[in-house]
Amino acid sequence: MTMIFNRLLRQVFLPLTLGAVLGCSKTETEEVHPATLDRSKLVPVTGTVTLKGKPLAGAVVTFLPKTGVPGLGETDSEGKYSLKSALLSGVTPGEYKVAISYLVSAGGEPQGVGARSAMVQSPEMMSAKEQLPAEYSDLGRTKLQAGVQPAGGNFNFDIPATLEIPAPKSAGKDGEKPAASTKKGEKPAEANAGKKE
């Protein structure tokens, strides 16, 4: 599914490769060319992604409709994201499956939208592994959903997964890492899926 997700990012964010939106079958998601997107129907969608209550920076948020162009965003240092559809701000109103992906390279660097959509993938991206459980990160298995209203909305997601968030390279002198790890193999509780404010 990671390969499909990476292909999705390249097709949406690189104008020269904007053919099909997703490598899924037409019964799951119909192929829609982003050039047919009616920008007047786009509404703002924002939110915050947290990991056990703490902001998760560098995660990629995908809102996948049954048909149409998906919305994509990347969380900042405060865990906040804003969705875009084919480089245009916003998404069309409707029901969405939501996936939150946190790919981290072997060197501990989160791989965001830029790294995933590059025509030639870097060694960091090639070594990256998904850190979040498939029930949140895999578009085919996610339990997360959101209903976007005609006015848009703010959707916050708290992921109760257990993982070690790598310290950013620009971390303080002591190189302290945020604490996020407990027992390995611990069954995560349900996320506050699509919690709307």
N, C-alpha and C. Protein backbone atom coordinates (compact mmCIF):
# COMPACT_ATOMS: atom_id res chain seq x y z
N MET A 1 0.82 -1.18 0.00
CA MET A 1 0.00 0.00 0.00
C MET A 1 0.87 1.25 0.00
N THR A 2 2.08 1.17 0.57
CA THR A 2 2.98 2.32 0.57
C THR A 2 3.33 2.73 -0.85
N MET A 3 3.53 1.75 -1.74
CA MET A 3 3.84 2.08 -3.13
C MET A 3 2.66 2.80 -3.78
N ILE A 4 1.44 2.34 -3.50
CA ILE A 4 0.25 2.99 -4.06
C ILE A 4 0.16 4.41 -3.51
N PHE A 5 0.43 4.58 -2.21
CA PHE A 5 0.36 5.90 -1.59
C PHE A 5 1.40 6.83 -2.20
N ASN A 6 2.62 6.35 -2.39
CA ASN A 6 3.67 7.18 -3.00
C ASN A 6 3.30 7.55 -4.43
N ARG A 7 2.70 6.61 -5.17
CA ARG A 7 2.27 6.91 -6.53
C ARG A 7 1.17 7.96 -6.53
N LEU A 8 0.28 7.87 -5.56
CA LEU A 8 -0.78 8.86 -5.41
C LEU A 8 -0.19 10.25 -5.23
N LEU A 9 0.80 10.37 -4.36
CA LEU A 9 1.41 11.67 -4.10
C LEU A 9 2.08 12.23 -5.35
N ARG A 10 2.80 11.40 -6.08
CA ARG A 10 3.46 11.88 -7.30
C ARG A 10 2.43 12.36 -8.32
N GLN A 11 1.33 11.64 -8.44
CA GLN A 11 0.33 11.97 -9.46
C GLN A 11 -0.44 13.24 -9.11
N VAL A 12 -0.64 13.51 -7.83
CA VAL A 12 -1.40 14.68 -7.45
C VAL A 12 -0.52 15.93 -7.40
N PHE A 13 0.72 15.79 -6.96
CA PHE A 13 1.55 16.96 -6.75
C PHE A 13 2.49 17.30 -7.90
N LEU A 14 2.62 16.46 -8.88
CA LEU A 14 3.47 16.77 -10.01
C LEU A 14 2.63 16.92 -11.26
N PRO A 15 2.46 18.16 -11.74
CA PRO A 15 1.56 18.41 -12.86
C PRO A 15 1.83 17.56 -14.09
N LEU A 16 3.07 17.17 -14.33
CA LEU A 16 3.39 16.39 -15.52
C LEU A 16 2.92 14.94 -15.42
N THR A 17 2.64 14.48 -14.22
CA THR A 17 2.23 13.09 -14.06
C THR A 17 0.81 12.98 -13.52
N LEU A 18 -0.02 13.98 -13.82
CA LEU A 18 -1.39 13.98 -13.30
C LEU A 18 -2.33 13.16 -14.19
N GLY A 19 -2.15 11.90 -14.22
CA GLY A 19 -3.05 11.03 -14.99
C GLY A 19 -4.13 10.51 -14.07
N ALA A 20 -3.94 9.31 -13.60
CA ALA A 20 -4.90 8.71 -12.67
C ALA A 20 -4.56 9.15 -11.26
N VAL A 21 -5.56 9.22 -10.39
CA VAL A 21 -5.33 9.68 -9.04
C VAL A 21 -4.82 8.58 -8.14
N LEU A 22 -5.27 7.39 -8.32
CA LEU A 22 -4.87 6.33 -7.43
C LEU A 22 -4.75 5.03 -8.20
N GLY A 23 -3.84 4.17 -7.78
CA GLY A 23 -3.65 2.90 -8.47
C GLY A 23 -4.63 1.84 -8.05
N CYS A 24 -5.77 2.22 -7.51
CA CYS A 24 -6.80 1.25 -7.11
C CYS A 24 -7.71 0.95 -8.30
N SER A 25 -8.50 -0.08 -8.16
CA SER A 25 -9.43 -0.42 -9.23
C SER A 25 -10.55 0.60 -9.31
N LYS A 26 -11.20 0.71 -10.47
CA LYS A 26 -12.26 1.69 -10.65
C LYS A 26 -13.46 1.41 -9.76
N THR A 27 -13.63 0.18 -9.32
CA THR A 27 -14.75 -0.10 -8.42
C THR A 27 -14.50 0.54 -7.06
N GLU A 28 -13.24 0.69 -6.67
CA GLU A 28 -12.92 1.28 -5.37
C GLU A 28 -12.86 2.80 -5.47
N THR A 29 -12.09 3.32 -6.42
CA THR A 29 -11.94 4.76 -6.62
C THR A 29 -11.85 5.02 -8.11
N GLU A 30 -12.80 5.76 -8.64
CA GLU A 30 -12.76 6.06 -10.06
C GLU A 30 -11.63 7.03 -10.36
N GLU A 31 -11.01 6.86 -11.52
CA GLU A 31 -9.94 7.75 -11.91
C GLU A 31 -10.53 9.08 -12.36
N VAL A 32 -10.02 10.17 -11.77
CA VAL A 32 -10.49 11.50 -12.11
C VAL A 32 -9.27 12.36 -12.37
N HIS A 33 -9.27 13.06 -13.47
CA HIS A 33 -8.16 13.94 -13.80
C HIS A 33 -8.30 15.22 -13.01
N PRO A 34 -7.26 15.64 -12.27
CA PRO A 34 -7.34 16.85 -11.47
C PRO A 34 -7.71 18.10 -12.26
N ALA A 35 -7.48 18.11 -13.58
CA ALA A 35 -7.85 19.28 -14.38
C ALA A 35 -9.36 19.48 -14.41
N THR A 36 -10.13 18.42 -14.11
CA THR A 36 -11.59 18.53 -14.10
C THR A 36 -12.12 19.01 -12.75
N LEU A 37 -11.24 19.26 -11.80
CA LEU A 37 -11.63 19.69 -10.48
C LEU A 37 -12.22 21.11 -10.53
N ASP A 38 -13.42 21.26 -9.99
CA ASP A 38 -14.09 22.56 -9.96
C ASP A 38 -13.64 23.29 -8.70
N ARG A 39 -12.72 24.24 -8.86
CA ARG A 39 -12.15 24.92 -7.70
C ARG A 39 -13.18 25.73 -6.92
N SER A 40 -14.30 26.09 -7.54
CA SER A 40 -15.34 26.85 -6.83
C SER A 40 -16.05 26.00 -5.79
N LYS A 41 -15.93 24.68 -5.88
CA LYS A 41 -16.58 23.78 -4.93
C LYS A 41 -15.67 23.37 -3.78
N LEU A 42 -14.41 23.81 -3.79
CA LEU A 42 -13.48 23.43 -2.74
C LEU A 42 -13.76 24.21 -1.46
N VAL A 43 -13.71 23.51 -0.33
CA VAL A 43 -13.93 24.13 0.97
C VAL A 43 -12.72 23.84 1.85
N PRO A 44 -12.42 24.74 2.79
CA PRO A 44 -11.24 24.55 3.63
C PRO A 44 -11.40 23.41 4.64
N VAL A 45 -10.36 22.60 4.74
CA VAL A 45 -10.33 21.54 5.76
C VAL A 45 -8.97 21.62 6.44
N THR A 46 -9.02 21.77 7.75
CA THR A 46 -7.82 21.85 8.57
C THR A 46 -7.98 20.91 9.76
N GLY A 47 -6.95 20.84 10.58
CA GLY A 47 -7.04 20.03 11.78
C GLY A 47 -5.69 19.84 12.41
N THR A 48 -5.67 19.00 13.43
CA THR A 48 -4.44 18.70 14.15
C THR A 48 -4.33 17.20 14.35
N VAL A 49 -3.12 16.68 14.16
CA VAL A 49 -2.85 15.26 14.42
C VAL A 49 -1.96 15.18 15.65
N THR A 50 -2.40 14.38 16.61
CA THR A 50 -1.60 14.17 17.81
C THR A 50 -1.36 12.68 18.00
N LEU A 51 -0.30 12.38 18.70
CA LEU A 51 0.05 11.01 19.06
C LEU A 51 -0.01 10.93 20.57
N LYS A 52 -1.04 10.27 21.08
CA LYS A 52 -1.28 10.22 22.53
C LYS A 52 -1.28 11.62 23.13
N GLY A 53 -1.94 12.54 22.43
CA GLY A 53 -2.10 13.90 22.94
C GLY A 53 -0.98 14.86 22.60
N LYS A 54 0.12 14.37 22.02
CA LYS A 54 1.25 15.25 21.68
C LYS A 54 1.30 15.46 20.17
N PRO A 55 1.59 16.70 19.70
CA PRO A 55 1.61 16.99 18.26
C PRO A 55 2.55 16.05 17.49
N LEU A 56 2.08 15.58 16.34
CA LEU A 56 2.89 14.71 15.49
C LEU A 56 3.28 15.49 14.24
N ALA A 57 4.52 15.92 14.16
CA ALA A 57 5.03 16.70 13.03
C ALA A 57 5.53 15.77 11.93
N GLY A 58 5.32 16.17 10.68
CA GLY A 58 5.85 15.42 9.54
C GLY A 58 4.98 14.27 9.09
N ALA A 59 3.75 14.19 9.58
CA ALA A 59 2.82 13.15 9.14
C ALA A 59 2.08 13.64 7.90
N VAL A 60 1.71 12.73 7.02
CA VAL A 60 0.94 13.07 5.82
C VAL A 60 -0.49 12.59 6.02
N VAL A 61 -1.42 13.53 5.86
CA VAL A 61 -2.85 13.27 6.05
C VAL A 61 -3.50 13.17 4.67
N THR A 62 -4.23 12.10 4.42
CA THR A 62 -4.92 11.90 3.15
C THR A 62 -6.41 11.71 3.39
N PHE A 63 -7.22 12.51 2.72
CA PHE A 63 -8.67 12.33 2.71
C PHE A 63 -9.02 11.74 1.36
N LEU A 64 -9.49 10.50 1.33
CA LEU A 64 -9.77 9.79 0.09
C LEU A 64 -11.27 9.64 -0.13
N PRO A 65 -11.83 10.29 -1.19
CA PRO A 65 -13.26 10.14 -1.47
C PRO A 65 -13.51 8.87 -2.27
N LYS A 66 -14.78 8.47 -2.40
CA LYS A 66 -15.10 7.31 -3.24
C LYS A 66 -14.81 7.63 -4.69
N THR A 67 -15.10 8.86 -5.11
CA THR A 67 -14.74 9.32 -6.45
C THR A 67 -14.20 10.74 -6.31
N GLY A 68 -13.35 11.12 -7.21
CA GLY A 68 -12.82 12.48 -7.18
C GLY A 68 -11.36 12.52 -6.75
N VAL A 69 -10.92 13.73 -6.50
CA VAL A 69 -9.52 13.98 -6.17
C VAL A 69 -9.34 13.97 -4.65
N PRO A 70 -8.35 13.25 -4.15
CA PRO A 70 -8.13 13.22 -2.71
C PRO A 70 -7.54 14.53 -2.20
N GLY A 71 -7.70 14.77 -0.93
CA GLY A 71 -7.08 15.92 -0.27
C GLY A 71 -5.85 15.44 0.48
N LEU A 72 -4.77 16.21 0.38
CA LEU A 72 -3.52 15.84 1.05
C LEU A 72 -2.98 17.02 1.84
N GLY A 73 -2.36 16.70 2.97
CA GLY A 73 -1.74 17.73 3.79
C GLY A 73 -0.62 17.12 4.60
N GLU A 74 0.22 17.98 5.16
CA GLU A 74 1.33 17.54 5.99
C GLU A 74 1.31 18.32 7.29
N THR A 75 1.53 17.64 8.39
CA THR A 75 1.48 18.31 9.68
C THR A 75 2.76 19.11 9.94
N ASP A 76 2.57 20.28 10.58
CA ASP A 76 3.71 21.11 10.94
C ASP A 76 4.20 20.74 12.34
N SER A 77 5.07 21.56 12.92
CA SER A 77 5.65 21.25 14.23
C SER A 77 4.61 21.20 15.35
N GLU A 78 3.45 21.81 15.13
CA GLU A 78 2.37 21.77 16.13
C GLU A 78 1.33 20.70 15.80
N GLY A 79 1.60 19.89 14.77
CA GLY A 79 0.68 18.83 14.36
C GLY A 79 -0.47 19.32 13.50
N LYS A 80 -0.44 20.58 13.08
CA LYS A 80 -1.54 21.15 12.29
C LYS A 80 -1.35 20.87 10.81
N TYR A 81 -2.47 20.65 10.12
CA TYR A 81 -2.44 20.42 8.68
C TYR A 81 -3.55 21.21 8.01
N SER A 82 -3.39 21.40 6.70
CA SER A 82 -4.40 22.04 5.86
C SER A 82 -4.40 21.26 4.55
N LEU A 83 -5.59 20.83 4.10
CA LEU A 83 -5.65 19.98 2.92
C LEU A 83 -5.63 20.75 1.61
N LYS A 84 -5.03 20.10 0.60
CA LYS A 84 -5.03 20.60 -0.78
C LYS A 84 -5.49 19.48 -1.68
N SER A 85 -6.16 19.87 -2.76
CA SER A 85 -6.57 18.92 -3.80
C SER A 85 -5.89 19.34 -5.08
N ALA A 86 -4.98 18.52 -5.60
CA ALA A 86 -4.25 18.84 -6.83
C ALA A 86 -3.65 20.23 -6.77
N LEU A 87 -2.96 20.54 -5.68
CA LEU A 87 -2.27 21.81 -5.44
C LEU A 87 -3.20 22.98 -5.16
N LEU A 88 -4.51 22.78 -5.12
CA LEU A 88 -5.47 23.83 -4.80
C LEU A 88 -5.92 23.65 -3.36
N SER A 89 -6.02 24.75 -2.62
CA SER A 89 -6.44 24.66 -1.21
C SER A 89 -7.88 24.19 -1.08
N GLY A 90 -8.08 23.21 -0.19
CA GLY A 90 -9.40 22.71 0.10
C GLY A 90 -9.72 21.38 -0.55
N VAL A 91 -10.91 20.87 -0.23
CA VAL A 91 -11.44 19.63 -0.80
C VAL A 91 -12.92 19.85 -1.10
N THR A 92 -13.52 18.97 -1.87
CA THR A 92 -14.95 19.06 -2.13
C THR A 92 -15.71 18.43 -0.95
N PRO A 93 -16.89 18.94 -0.62
CA PRO A 93 -17.67 18.34 0.47
C PRO A 93 -18.00 16.88 0.16
N GLY A 94 -18.11 16.07 1.18
CA GLY A 94 -18.45 14.67 1.00
C GLY A 94 -17.87 13.80 2.08
N GLU A 95 -18.04 12.49 1.91
CA GLU A 95 -17.53 11.50 2.86
C GLU A 95 -16.15 11.03 2.43
N TYR A 96 -15.25 10.90 3.39
CA TYR A 96 -13.87 10.53 3.10
C TYR A 96 -13.37 9.44 4.04
N LYS A 97 -12.53 8.54 3.49
CA LYS A 97 -11.70 7.68 4.30
C LYS A 97 -10.46 8.53 4.60
N VAL A 98 -9.94 8.43 5.81
CA VAL A 98 -8.79 9.24 6.20
C VAL A 98 -7.64 8.32 6.59
N ALA A 99 -6.47 8.62 6.06
CA ALA A 99 -5.26 7.89 6.45
C ALA A 99 -4.22 8.90 6.93
N ILE A 100 -3.53 8.53 7.98
CA ILE A 100 -2.45 9.36 8.51
C ILE A 100 -1.20 8.50 8.48
N SER A 101 -0.25 8.92 7.66
CA SER A 101 0.97 8.15 7.45
C SER A 101 2.16 8.88 8.06
N TYR A 102 3.00 8.12 8.75
CA TYR A 102 4.20 8.69 9.36
C TYR A 102 5.39 7.82 8.96
N LEU A 103 5.95 8.13 7.80
CA LEU A 103 7.11 7.40 7.30
C LEU A 103 8.38 8.03 7.86
N VAL A 104 9.24 7.20 8.41
CA VAL A 104 10.49 7.69 9.00
C VAL A 104 11.66 6.93 8.39
N SER A 105 12.68 7.68 7.96
CA SER A 105 13.85 7.05 7.34
C SER A 105 14.67 6.31 8.39
N ALA A 106 15.63 5.53 7.90
CA ALA A 106 16.51 4.79 8.80
C ALA A 106 17.29 5.74 9.69
N GLY A 107 17.53 6.96 9.21
CA GLY A 107 18.25 7.97 9.99
C GLY A 107 17.37 8.75 10.94
N GLY A 108 16.08 8.41 11.01
CA GLY A 108 15.18 9.06 11.95
C GLY A 108 14.48 10.30 11.43
N GLU A 109 14.53 10.55 10.12
CA GLU A 109 13.90 11.74 9.54
C GLU A 109 12.52 11.41 8.97
N PRO A 110 11.45 12.11 9.43
CA PRO A 110 10.13 11.91 8.84
C PRO A 110 10.15 12.29 7.36
N GLN A 111 9.44 11.54 6.54
CA GLN A 111 9.38 11.78 5.11
C GLN A 111 8.01 12.33 4.75
N GLY A 112 7.97 13.63 4.48
CA GLY A 112 6.71 14.31 4.20
C GLY A 112 6.32 14.25 2.73
N VAL A 113 5.42 15.15 2.37
CA VAL A 113 4.88 15.19 1.01
C VAL A 113 5.98 15.40 -0.03
N GLY A 114 6.91 16.32 0.22
CA GLY A 114 7.98 16.60 -0.74
C GLY A 114 8.82 15.38 -1.06
N ALA A 115 9.26 14.67 -0.02
CA ALA A 115 10.09 13.48 -0.22
C ALA A 115 9.31 12.38 -0.92
N ARG A 116 8.03 12.23 -0.61
CA ARG A 116 7.22 11.16 -1.19
C ARG A 116 6.86 11.43 -2.64
N SER A 117 6.76 12.70 -3.01
CA SER A 117 6.32 13.03 -4.37
C SER A 117 7.47 13.28 -5.33
N ALA A 118 8.70 13.17 -4.87
CA ALA A 118 9.86 13.41 -5.74
C ALA A 118 9.90 12.38 -6.87
N MET A 119 10.29 12.84 -8.06
CA MET A 119 10.41 11.94 -9.21
C MET A 119 11.46 10.87 -8.95
N VAL A 120 12.55 11.25 -8.29
CA VAL A 120 13.60 10.30 -7.93
C VAL A 120 13.65 10.28 -6.41
N GLN A 121 13.40 9.12 -5.83
CA GLN A 121 13.36 9.04 -4.39
C GLN A 121 14.75 9.01 -3.79
N SER A 122 14.90 9.74 -2.69
CA SER A 122 16.17 9.84 -1.98
C SER A 122 16.46 8.55 -1.22
N PRO A 123 17.72 8.34 -0.81
CA PRO A 123 18.04 7.17 0.01
C PRO A 123 17.23 7.15 1.31
N GLU A 124 16.96 8.35 1.86
CA GLU A 124 16.16 8.43 3.09
C GLU A 124 14.76 7.89 2.85
N MET A 125 14.17 8.30 1.71
CA MET A 125 12.82 7.84 1.40
C MET A 125 12.82 6.34 1.12
N MET A 126 13.85 5.86 0.45
CA MET A 126 13.94 4.42 0.13
C MET A 126 14.04 3.58 1.41
N SER A 127 14.65 4.14 2.46
CA SER A 127 14.82 3.39 3.70
C SER A 127 13.66 3.60 4.68
N ALA A 128 12.72 4.49 4.33
CA ALA A 128 11.65 4.85 5.26
C ALA A 128 10.68 3.71 5.52
N LYS A 129 10.21 3.65 6.75
CA LYS A 129 9.24 2.65 7.16
C LYS A 129 8.07 3.34 7.85
N GLU A 130 6.87 2.81 7.60
CA GLU A 130 5.67 3.35 8.23
C GLU A 130 5.71 3.05 9.72
N GLN A 131 5.46 4.07 10.53
CA GLN A 131 5.52 3.93 11.98
C GLN A 131 4.15 3.74 12.63
N LEU A 132 3.09 4.13 11.94
CA LEU A 132 1.75 4.02 12.53
C LEU A 132 1.08 2.72 12.10
N PRO A 133 0.23 2.17 12.95
CA PRO A 133 -0.48 0.93 12.59
C PRO A 133 -1.34 1.12 11.34
N ALA A 134 -1.54 0.04 10.61
CA ALA A 134 -2.30 0.08 9.34
C ALA A 134 -3.73 0.58 9.53
N GLU A 135 -4.30 0.41 10.72
CA GLU A 135 -5.67 0.87 10.94
C GLU A 135 -5.80 2.39 10.90
N TYR A 136 -4.65 3.09 10.87
CA TYR A 136 -4.64 4.54 10.73
C TYR A 136 -3.91 4.98 9.45
N SER A 137 -2.89 4.24 9.04
CA SER A 137 -2.01 4.70 7.96
C SER A 137 -2.30 4.11 6.59
N ASP A 138 -2.98 2.99 6.51
CA ASP A 138 -3.20 2.30 5.24
C ASP A 138 -4.58 2.67 4.69
N LEU A 139 -4.62 3.24 3.50
CA LEU A 139 -5.89 3.66 2.90
C LEU A 139 -6.88 2.52 2.73
N GLY A 140 -6.38 1.31 2.59
CA GLY A 140 -7.27 0.16 2.43
C GLY A 140 -7.80 -0.38 3.74
N ARG A 141 -7.14 -0.06 4.85
CA ARG A 141 -7.52 -0.64 6.14
C ARG A 141 -7.87 0.38 7.22
N THR A 142 -7.74 1.66 6.91
CA THR A 142 -7.97 2.68 7.93
C THR A 142 -9.37 2.64 8.50
N LYS A 143 -9.46 2.96 9.80
CA LYS A 143 -10.75 3.06 10.48
C LYS A 143 -11.20 4.51 10.57
N LEU A 144 -10.34 5.42 10.15
CA LEU A 144 -10.63 6.84 10.27
C LEU A 144 -11.51 7.33 9.12
N GLN A 145 -12.47 8.18 9.44
CA GLN A 145 -13.38 8.74 8.43
C GLN A 145 -13.67 10.19 8.77
N ALA A 146 -14.15 10.93 7.78
CA ALA A 146 -14.55 12.32 8.00
C ALA A 146 -15.64 12.68 7.02
N GLY A 147 -16.61 13.43 7.48
CA GLY A 147 -17.67 13.96 6.64
C GLY A 147 -17.48 15.46 6.50
N VAL A 148 -17.06 15.89 5.31
CA VAL A 148 -16.80 17.31 5.07
C VAL A 148 -18.09 17.99 4.63
N GLN A 149 -18.50 18.99 5.37
CA GLN A 149 -19.72 19.74 5.09
C GLN A 149 -19.46 20.85 4.07
N PRO A 150 -20.51 21.45 3.49
CA PRO A 150 -20.33 22.51 2.50
C PRO A 150 -19.54 23.72 3.00
N ALA A 151 -19.46 23.90 4.32
CA ALA A 151 -18.67 25.01 4.87
C ALA A 151 -17.24 24.59 5.19
N GLY A 152 -16.89 23.33 4.96
CA GLY A 152 -15.56 22.84 5.31
C GLY A 152 -15.56 22.32 6.73
N GLY A 153 -14.41 22.31 7.38
CA GLY A 153 -14.38 21.85 8.76
C GLY A 153 -12.98 21.69 9.31
N ASN A 154 -12.94 21.42 10.60
CA ASN A 154 -11.69 21.20 11.32
C ASN A 154 -11.78 19.79 11.90
N PHE A 155 -10.87 18.91 11.49
CA PHE A 155 -10.89 17.52 11.92
C PHE A 155 -9.59 17.19 12.65
N ASN A 156 -9.74 16.86 13.93
CA ASN A 156 -8.59 16.51 14.75
C ASN A 156 -8.55 15.00 14.94
N PHE A 157 -7.34 14.44 14.90
CA PHE A 157 -7.16 13.01 15.07
C PHE A 157 -6.09 12.77 16.13
N ASP A 158 -6.44 12.00 17.15
CA ASP A 158 -5.46 11.61 18.16
C ASP A 158 -5.20 10.12 17.97
N ILE A 159 -3.97 9.80 17.61
CA ILE A 159 -3.58 8.41 17.36
C ILE A 159 -2.98 7.85 18.65
N PRO A 160 -3.58 6.78 19.20
CA PRO A 160 -3.09 6.24 20.47
C PRO A 160 -1.97 5.21 20.30
N ALA A 161 -1.30 5.21 19.17
CA ALA A 161 -0.25 4.22 18.91
C ALA A 161 0.98 4.50 19.77
N THR A 162 1.76 3.46 19.97
CA THR A 162 3.00 3.57 20.72
C THR A 162 4.16 3.52 19.75
N LEU A 163 4.93 4.60 19.70
CA LEU A 163 6.13 4.63 18.87
C LEU A 163 7.07 5.69 19.40
N GLU A 164 8.29 5.61 18.97
CA GLU A 164 9.31 6.56 19.35
C GLU A 164 9.39 7.63 18.28
N ILE A 165 9.07 8.87 18.65
CA ILE A 165 9.17 9.97 17.69
C ILE A 165 10.62 10.42 17.66
N PRO A 166 11.27 10.38 16.48
CA PRO A 166 12.67 10.79 16.43
C PRO A 166 12.82 12.27 16.72
N ALA A 167 13.92 12.62 17.38
CA ALA A 167 14.21 14.03 17.65
C ALA A 167 14.62 14.69 16.34
N PRO A 168 14.09 15.89 16.05
CA PRO A 168 14.50 16.57 14.83
C PRO A 168 15.98 16.93 14.88
N LYS A 169 16.60 17.07 13.71
CA LYS A 169 18.03 17.41 13.66
C LYS A 169 18.32 18.73 14.35
N SER A 170 17.33 19.60 14.38
CA SER A 170 17.53 20.90 15.01
C SER A 170 17.16 20.87 16.49
N ALA A 171 17.20 19.68 17.09
CA ALA A 171 16.85 19.54 18.51
C ALA A 171 17.86 20.29 19.36
N GLY A 172 17.49 20.53 20.61
CA GLY A 172 18.35 21.26 21.53
C GLY A 172 19.69 20.59 21.72
N LYS A 173 20.57 21.27 22.43
CA LYS A 173 21.94 20.78 22.63
C LYS A 173 21.98 19.43 23.34
N ASP A 174 21.00 19.19 24.21
CA ASP A 174 21.02 17.92 24.93
C ASP A 174 20.53 16.76 24.09
N GLY A 175 19.97 17.04 22.87
CA GLY A 175 19.52 15.98 21.96
C GLY A 175 18.39 15.15 22.53
N GLU A 176 17.63 15.74 23.45
CA GLU A 176 16.55 15.02 24.11
C GLU A 176 15.45 14.64 23.14
N LYS A 177 15.00 13.39 23.21
CA LYS A 177 13.91 12.91 22.36
C LYS A 177 12.60 12.99 23.12
N PRO A 178 11.50 13.32 22.42
CA PRO A 178 10.21 13.31 23.10
C PRO A 178 9.86 11.89 23.54
N ALA A 179 9.30 11.78 24.72
CA ALA A 179 8.90 10.46 25.22
C ALA A 179 7.57 10.07 24.62
N ALA A 180 7.52 8.89 23.98
CA ALA A 180 6.26 8.43 23.40
C ALA A 180 6.13 6.93 23.47
N SER A 181 7.15 6.25 23.99
CA SER A 181 7.16 4.80 23.92
C SER A 181 6.78 4.17 25.26
N THR A 182 6.00 3.08 25.19
CA THR A 182 5.72 2.27 26.37
C THR A 182 6.01 0.83 26.00
N LYS A 183 5.06 -0.04 26.11
CA LYS A 183 5.28 -1.45 25.80
C LYS A 183 5.12 -1.73 24.32
N LYS A 184 6.04 -2.51 23.77
CA LYS A 184 5.94 -2.92 22.37
C LYS A 184 4.84 -3.96 22.24
N GLY A 185 4.06 -3.85 21.17
CA GLY A 185 2.99 -4.80 20.93
C GLY A 185 1.71 -4.46 21.67
N GLU A 186 1.71 -3.31 22.38
CA GLU A 186 0.51 -2.89 23.10
C GLU A 186 -0.60 -2.59 22.11
N LYS A 187 -1.79 -3.05 22.39
CA LYS A 187 -2.95 -2.84 21.51
C LYS A 187 -3.43 -1.41 21.69
N PRO A 188 -3.43 -0.59 20.61
CA PRO A 188 -3.86 0.79 20.75
C PRO A 188 -5.36 0.89 20.93
N ALA A 189 -5.78 1.91 21.67
CA ALA A 189 -7.20 2.19 21.82
C ALA A 189 -7.69 2.86 20.55
N GLU A 190 -9.00 3.04 20.42
CA GLU A 190 -9.56 3.68 19.23
C GLU A 190 -9.17 5.15 19.21
N ALA A 191 -8.89 5.67 18.02
CA ALA A 191 -8.56 7.08 17.86
C ALA A 191 -9.85 7.90 17.92
N ASN A 192 -9.69 9.18 18.19
CA ASN A 192 -10.83 10.11 18.13
C ASN A 192 -11.05 10.43 16.69
N ALA A 193 -11.51 9.44 15.92
CA ALA A 193 -11.61 9.54 14.48
C ALA A 193 -12.57 10.63 14.05
N GLY A 194 -12.04 11.56 13.28
CA GLY A 194 -12.87 12.59 12.70
C GLY A 194 -13.49 13.51 13.73
N LYS A 195 -12.89 13.66 14.90
CA LYS A 195 -13.43 14.52 15.91
C LYS A 195 -13.46 15.92 15.36
N LYS A 196 -14.65 16.48 15.27
CA LYS A 196 -14.82 17.79 14.65
C LYS A 196 -15.05 18.84 15.71
N GLU A 197 -14.37 19.97 15.55
CA GLU A 197 -14.57 21.07 16.50
C GLU A 197 -15.39 22.14 15.89
